[in-house]
Amino acid sequence: MDKRKMMPKRPRMENLRGPIANGPIQTRPLVALLDGRDCSIEMPILKDVATVAFCDAQSTSEIHEKVLNEAVGALMWHTIILTKEDLEKFKTLRIIVRIGSGVDNIDVKAAGELGIAVCNVPGYGVEEVADTTLCLILNLYRRTYWLANMVREGKKFTGPEQVREAATGCARIRGDTLGIVGLGRIGSAVALRAKAFGFTVIFYDPYLPDGIEKSLGLTRVYTLQDLLFQSDCVSLHCTLNEHNHHLINEYTIKQMRPGAFLVNTARGGLVDDDALAAALKQGRIRAAALDVHENEPYNVFQGQSANQCESYLSPCLTLSRLTI
């Protein structure tokens, strides 16, 4: 018997990849970039399989009706917020991809109820954010930002007292304790960099299994209170949710070491702006470096000078420069 006759027939090509050449024309799916102008990376990938719409919107009220009615996929950064009411405006949406790790600006539960998948990019910006965090820590410890400003302003030293005054507040890094809240990809990258500078690194992360601290050579603490009490500098690297909103507040600031530093390159909502401003003004916290804010753009210290608050706010990859 001819074995070829017994073999199953190959499926026709159109069954695998859609219509064959010169067959019926299929409509290309519509994919929308909701809150960004630059699609230089996405466009070469999507141009052959989808139609891409650039919305550059701050809210769904600014999105064209055609996108709301026809988009099957959406890409978004951090600017726009999608509540349940916003998601219900999209008639054919099936997937949202957050360009970044956090999805706190999307009502994920509502999206699931509407049959919309939500994805993120967990590895986005890990090295860049970790580098930025170390730059901020170095600025706080060595006061390079303020000393550089003195040079730009043309201030001259006429005696040792002025030199001593200018250098007051500079701290030694080696031997100090850096406390990391959230030892994910970015937190781990910061920890390894900080060890190279001589920090003793401790961390608090209730979601990680025991043993991770041994592999990285770190010390683990099991309560936020212990971390705040032991740390000379606290760096936040956790996601934002309903359980940790204003994690750093008037109460937790009082648990920090007097004169400690605070760094936040995670989410602005983790810090109570009013409590932080009061702590800086009172000298409870020596200095803070904030790369994110709960309401952007927003001046945490409203009318207070840099000398009063001693705080440095850095630029981030997608944020405008804010310097106090």
Protein backbone atom coordinates (compact mmCIF):
# COMPACT_ATOMS: atom_id res chain seq x y z
CA MET A 1 0.00 0.00 0.00
CA ASP A 2 1.23 3.46 -0.88
CA LYS A 3 2.14 5.11 2.45
CA ARG A 4 1.56 8.54 0.93
CA LYS A 5 -2.15 7.78 0.62
CA MET A 6 -2.36 7.02 4.33
CA MET A 7 -0.78 10.32 5.40
CA PRO A 8 -3.23 13.08 6.41
CA LYS A 9 -3.64 15.85 3.93
CA ARG A 10 -1.92 19.11 4.65
CA PRO A 11 -4.31 21.90 5.55
CA ARG A 12 -4.66 24.56 2.91
CA MET A 13 -2.52 27.62 3.50
CA GLU A 14 -5.51 29.91 3.91
CA ASN A 15 -6.63 27.86 6.92
CA LEU A 16 -3.37 28.69 8.70
CA ARG A 17 -2.62 32.24 7.76
CA GLY A 18 -5.84 33.65 6.49
CA PRO A 19 -6.79 34.20 2.84
CA ILE A 20 -4.31 33.33 0.12
CA ALA A 21 -3.01 36.01 -2.21
CA ASN A 22 -5.71 37.70 -4.31
CA GLY A 23 -8.33 36.38 -1.90
CA PRO A 24 -10.81 38.48 0.13
CA ILE A 25 -9.26 41.57 1.74
CA GLN A 26 -9.36 41.47 5.54
CA THR A 27 -9.58 44.65 7.62
CA ARG A 28 -6.39 45.40 9.53
CA PRO A 29 -6.94 45.63 13.30
CA LEU A 30 -6.73 49.08 14.88
CA VAL A 31 -4.18 49.52 17.67
CA ALA A 32 -4.08 52.81 19.58
CA LEU A 33 -1.23 54.46 21.47
CA LEU A 34 -3.37 56.30 23.99
CA ASP A 35 -1.03 58.76 25.70
CA GLY A 36 2.19 59.09 23.77
CA ARG A 37 3.51 60.75 20.64
CA ASP A 38 6.63 58.71 19.95
CA CYS A 39 5.97 55.35 18.30
CA SER A 40 9.40 54.95 16.75
CA ILE A 41 9.82 51.53 18.36
CA GLU A 42 6.27 50.24 18.05
CA MET A 43 5.54 51.36 14.49
CA PRO A 44 8.11 49.16 12.68
CA ILE A 45 6.74 46.17 14.57
CA LEU A 46 3.05 46.89 14.03
CA LYS A 47 2.96 48.58 10.63
CA ASP A 48 2.66 45.34 8.63
CA VAL A 49 -0.09 43.81 10.74
CA ALA A 50 -2.16 46.66 12.15
CA THR A 51 -3.25 50.25 11.72
CA VAL A 52 -1.78 52.41 14.49
CA ALA A 53 -3.60 55.46 15.88
CA PHE A 54 -1.72 58.14 17.84
CA CYS A 55 -4.03 59.65 20.45
CA ASP A 56 -1.71 61.68 22.75
CA ALA A 57 -4.63 61.93 25.18
CA GLN A 58 -4.79 62.91 28.83
CA SER A 59 -8.21 61.27 29.27
CA THR A 60 -10.66 59.19 27.25
CA SER A 61 -12.67 62.33 26.49
CA GLU A 62 -9.82 63.34 24.15
CA ILE A 63 -9.80 60.04 22.26
CA HIS A 64 -11.42 60.00 18.80
CA GLU A 65 -14.72 58.15 18.49
CA LYS A 66 -13.29 55.86 15.81
CA VAL A 67 -10.68 54.59 18.26
CA LEU A 68 -13.29 54.02 20.97
CA ASN A 69 -15.48 52.08 18.55
CA GLU A 70 -12.90 50.08 16.61
CA ALA A 71 -9.62 49.66 18.53
CA VAL A 72 -8.89 46.05 19.50
CA GLY A 73 -5.59 46.81 21.21
CA ALA A 74 -4.17 49.72 23.19
CA LEU A 75 -0.68 50.74 24.28
CA MET A 76 -0.35 53.25 27.11
CA TRP A 77 2.25 54.96 29.27
CA HIS A 78 1.62 56.45 32.72
CA THR A 79 -0.24 59.66 31.84
CA ILE A 80 -3.76 58.48 31.13
CA ILE A 81 -5.95 56.76 33.73
CA LEU A 82 -8.48 54.10 32.73
CA THR A 83 -11.33 53.65 35.21
CA LYS A 84 -14.24 51.27 34.75
CA GLU A 85 -16.25 54.07 33.13
CA ASP A 86 -13.38 54.78 30.74
CA LEU A 87 -12.98 51.13 29.80
CA GLU A 88 -16.69 50.82 29.04
CA LYS A 89 -16.31 53.46 26.32
CA PHE A 90 -14.21 51.07 24.23
CA LYS A 91 -16.55 48.86 22.21
CA THR A 92 -14.13 46.31 20.73
CA LEU A 93 -11.05 46.53 22.96
CA ARG A 94 -9.50 43.16 23.80
CA ILE A 95 -6.04 43.91 25.21
CA ILE A 96 -4.18 46.76 26.93
CA VAL A 97 -0.40 46.79 27.17
CA ARG A 98 1.09 49.11 29.78
CA ILE A 99 4.52 50.29 28.59
CA GLY A 100 6.13 49.88 32.00
CA SER A 101 5.80 47.65 35.02
CA GLY A 102 3.03 49.34 37.03
CA VAL A 103 -0.65 49.02 36.16
CA ASP A 104 -2.00 51.23 38.96
CA ASN A 105 -3.50 53.61 36.38
CA ILE A 106 -5.77 50.84 35.04
CA ASP A 107 -8.80 49.34 36.77
CA VAL A 108 -7.59 45.78 36.23
CA LYS A 109 -10.62 44.19 37.90
CA ALA A 110 -13.04 46.08 35.67
CA ALA A 111 -10.97 45.21 32.62
CA GLY A 112 -11.24 41.53 33.48
CA GLU A 113 -15.01 41.80 33.89
CA LEU A 114 -15.19 43.39 30.43
CA GLY A 115 -13.04 40.69 28.86
CA ILE A 116 -10.04 42.98 28.34
CA ALA A 117 -6.62 41.47 29.02
CA VAL A 118 -4.09 43.74 30.77
CA CYS A 119 -0.37 43.17 30.24
CA ASN A 120 2.72 45.02 31.42
CA VAL A 121 6.46 45.12 30.71
CA PRO A 122 8.08 44.05 34.00
CA GLY A 123 11.65 44.60 32.83
CA TYR A 124 11.08 48.11 31.51
CA GLY A 125 13.73 50.63 32.62
CA VAL A 126 15.26 48.44 35.34
CA GLU A 127 18.87 49.50 34.77
CA GLU A 128 17.98 53.14 34.11
CA VAL A 129 15.87 53.51 37.25
CA ALA A 130 18.50 51.74 39.36
CA ASP A 131 21.19 54.08 38.03
CA THR A 132 18.98 57.10 38.69
CA THR A 133 18.35 55.92 42.24
CA LEU A 134 22.06 55.66 42.97
CA CYS A 135 22.63 59.12 41.48
CA LEU A 136 19.99 60.54 43.80
CA ILE A 137 21.47 58.79 46.83
CA LEU A 138 24.94 60.13 46.00
CA ASN A 139 23.51 63.62 45.59
CA LEU A 140 21.89 63.45 49.01
CA TYR A 141 24.98 62.12 50.77
CA ARG A 142 27.62 64.28 49.11
CA ARG A 143 25.41 67.35 48.44
CA THR A 144 26.84 67.69 44.93
CA TYR A 145 23.66 69.31 43.64
CA TRP A 146 23.70 72.14 46.17
CA LEU A 147 27.48 72.63 46.06
CA ALA A 148 27.39 72.82 42.25
CA ASN A 149 24.70 75.50 42.52
CA MET A 150 26.95 77.51 44.84
CA VAL A 151 29.66 77.47 42.19
CA ARG A 152 27.22 78.51 39.46
CA GLU A 153 25.99 81.38 41.61
CA GLY A 154 29.56 82.63 42.00
CA LYS A 155 29.81 82.25 45.76
CA LYS A 156 33.37 82.56 47.03
CA PHE A 157 34.97 81.17 50.16
CA THR A 158 37.01 83.70 52.10
CA GLY A 159 37.89 81.52 55.07
CA PRO A 160 37.75 78.04 56.60
CA GLU A 161 34.45 78.78 58.34
CA GLN A 162 32.67 79.25 55.01
CA VAL A 163 34.20 76.05 53.66
CA ARG A 164 33.05 74.18 56.76
CA GLU A 165 29.56 75.67 56.44
CA ALA A 166 29.29 74.70 52.78
CA ALA A 167 30.34 71.12 53.51
CA THR A 168 28.03 70.75 56.50
CA GLY A 169 25.58 67.96 55.87
CA CYS A 170 27.83 65.83 53.67
CA ALA A 171 27.68 62.27 54.94
CA ARG A 172 29.90 59.23 54.59
CA ILE A 173 28.35 56.39 52.62
CA ARG A 174 30.55 53.48 53.64
CA GLY A 175 29.10 51.74 56.65
CA ASP A 176 25.67 53.37 56.45
CA THR A 177 22.55 51.24 56.13
CA LEU A 178 20.37 51.48 53.03
CA GLY A 179 16.84 50.15 53.52
CA ILE A 180 15.04 49.00 50.37
CA VAL A 181 11.26 48.63 50.38
CA GLY A 182 10.40 46.15 47.62
CA LEU A 183 13.12 43.83 46.31
CA GLY A 184 11.86 43.26 42.79
CA ARG A 185 13.91 43.74 39.64
CA ILE A 186 14.72 47.39 40.34
CA GLY A 187 15.13 46.95 44.09
CA SER A 188 17.61 44.11 43.51
CA ALA A 189 19.57 46.15 40.97
CA VAL A 190 19.77 49.06 43.42
CA ALA A 191 20.90 46.74 46.22
CA LEU A 192 23.81 45.35 44.20
CA ARG A 193 24.94 48.84 43.19
CA ALA A 194 24.66 50.11 46.76
CA LYS A 195 26.80 47.26 48.10
CA ALA A 196 29.57 48.30 45.72
CA PHE A 197 29.56 51.75 47.33
CA GLY A 198 29.93 50.28 50.81
CA PHE A 199 26.35 50.33 52.04
CA THR A 200 25.02 47.70 54.37
CA VAL A 201 21.79 46.80 52.56
CA ILE A 202 18.63 45.59 54.27
CA PHE A 203 15.25 45.07 52.66
CA TYR A 204 11.58 44.54 53.43
CA ASP A 205 9.42 42.58 51.00
CA PRO A 206 6.67 40.33 52.41
CA TYR A 207 6.01 38.75 49.02
CA LEU A 208 9.40 37.10 48.50
CA PRO A 209 10.23 33.59 49.73
CA ASP A 210 12.85 33.09 52.40
CA GLY A 211 16.37 32.55 51.09
CA ILE A 212 16.55 35.30 48.47
CA GLU A 213 18.61 37.39 50.91
CA LYS A 214 21.33 34.72 51.01
CA SER A 215 21.72 34.63 47.25
CA LEU A 216 22.20 38.41 47.10
CA GLY A 217 24.16 38.83 50.32
CA LEU A 218 21.57 41.10 51.91
CA THR A 219 19.89 41.29 55.31
CA ARG A 220 16.15 40.78 55.48
CA VAL A 221 13.79 42.41 57.96
CA TYR A 222 10.21 41.30 58.37
CA THR A 223 8.42 44.54 59.22
CA LEU A 224 8.45 48.00 57.72
CA GLN A 225 8.97 49.42 61.20
CA ASP A 226 12.24 47.49 61.60
CA LEU A 227 13.49 48.71 58.24
CA LEU A 228 12.70 52.36 58.98
CA PHE A 229 14.29 52.15 62.43
CA GLN A 230 17.55 50.62 61.13
CA SER A 231 18.03 52.61 57.91
CA ASP A 232 20.12 55.73 57.37
CA CYS A 233 18.58 56.01 53.90
CA VAL A 234 15.24 54.55 52.77
CA SER A 235 14.61 53.84 49.08
CA LEU A 236 11.15 52.88 47.77
CA HIS A 237 10.83 50.30 44.98
CA CYS A 238 7.35 48.84 45.37
CA THR A 239 4.20 49.00 43.29
CA LEU A 240 1.28 51.21 44.31
CA ASN A 241 -2.03 49.71 45.39
CA GLU A 242 -4.87 50.36 47.82
CA HIS A 243 -2.91 48.76 50.66
CA ASN A 244 0.25 50.89 50.53
CA HIS A 245 -1.06 54.30 49.47
CA HIS A 246 0.84 56.90 51.54
CA LEU A 247 3.10 54.19 52.93
CA ILE A 248 5.39 57.01 54.04
CA ASN A 249 3.18 59.24 56.17
CA GLU A 250 3.33 61.21 59.40
CA TYR A 251 3.26 58.03 61.49
CA THR A 252 5.90 56.06 59.56
CA ILE A 253 8.18 59.10 59.25
CA LYS A 254 8.33 59.21 63.05
CA GLN A 255 9.65 55.64 62.95
CA MET A 256 12.59 56.66 60.75
CA ARG A 257 15.96 57.52 62.20
CA PRO A 258 16.28 61.27 62.87
CA GLY A 259 18.19 62.83 59.99
CA ALA A 260 17.63 59.92 57.61
CA PHE A 261 17.36 60.32 53.84
CA LEU A 262 14.35 59.31 51.72
CA VAL A 263 14.43 58.36 48.03
CA ASN A 264 11.37 57.56 45.91
CA THR A 265 11.75 56.42 42.31
CA ALA A 266 8.70 54.12 42.41
CA ARG A 267 5.25 55.76 42.61
CA GLY A 268 4.33 59.19 43.90
CA GLY A 269 1.31 57.91 45.82
CA LEU A 270 3.59 55.99 48.18
CA VAL A 271 4.51 59.24 49.94
CA ASP A 272 2.24 61.68 51.75
CA ASP A 273 3.49 64.99 50.35
CA ASP A 274 2.25 67.07 53.27
CA ALA A 275 3.85 64.81 55.87
CA LEU A 276 7.13 64.80 53.97
CA ALA A 277 7.20 68.58 53.61
CA ALA A 278 6.56 68.99 57.34
CA ALA A 279 9.30 66.49 58.22
CA LEU A 280 11.81 68.27 55.99
CA LYS A 281 10.93 71.65 57.43
CA GLN A 282 11.31 70.33 60.98
CA GLY A 283 14.58 68.56 60.17
CA ARG A 284 13.17 65.15 61.02
CA ILE A 285 14.28 63.98 57.56
CA ARG A 286 17.61 65.44 56.44
CA ALA A 287 16.83 65.42 52.73
CA ALA A 288 14.66 63.68 50.16
CA ALA A 289 15.01 62.87 46.48
CA LEU A 290 11.75 62.34 44.61
CA ASP A 291 11.59 61.20 41.01
CA VAL A 292 7.80 60.82 41.07
CA HIS A 293 4.87 62.70 42.59
CA GLU A 294 1.30 61.83 43.41
CA ASN A 295 -0.04 64.64 41.24
CA GLU A 296 2.26 65.47 38.36
CA PRO A 297 3.35 68.10 37.65
CA TYR A 298 3.18 69.24 41.26
CA ASN A 299 5.38 71.20 43.64
CA VAL A 300 5.45 69.29 46.90
CA PHE A 301 6.72 72.26 48.82
CA GLN A 302 4.44 75.00 47.45
CA GLY A 303 6.20 78.29 47.98
CA GLN A 304 9.05 76.98 50.15
CA SER A 305 12.60 77.47 48.94
CA ALA A 306 15.19 74.76 48.35
CA ASN A 307 17.15 75.88 51.40
CA GLN A 308 14.07 75.48 53.57
CA CYS A 309 13.23 72.02 52.33
CA GLU A 310 16.61 70.66 51.24
CA SER A 311 15.07 68.42 48.61
CA TYR A 312 16.20 67.43 45.14
CA LEU A 313 13.69 66.33 42.53
CA SER A 314 15.24 64.72 39.49
CA PRO A 315 14.14 64.27 35.91
CA CYS A 316 12.89 60.84 34.89
CA LEU A 317 12.75 59.27 31.44
CA THR A 318 9.27 60.63 30.72
CA LEU A 319 8.96 63.41 33.30
CA SER A 320 9.89 67.05 32.98
CA ARG A 321 12.72 68.38 35.18
CA LEU A 322 11.54 69.55 38.59
CA THR A 323 14.14 71.14 40.84
CA ILE A 324 13.34 72.66 44.22
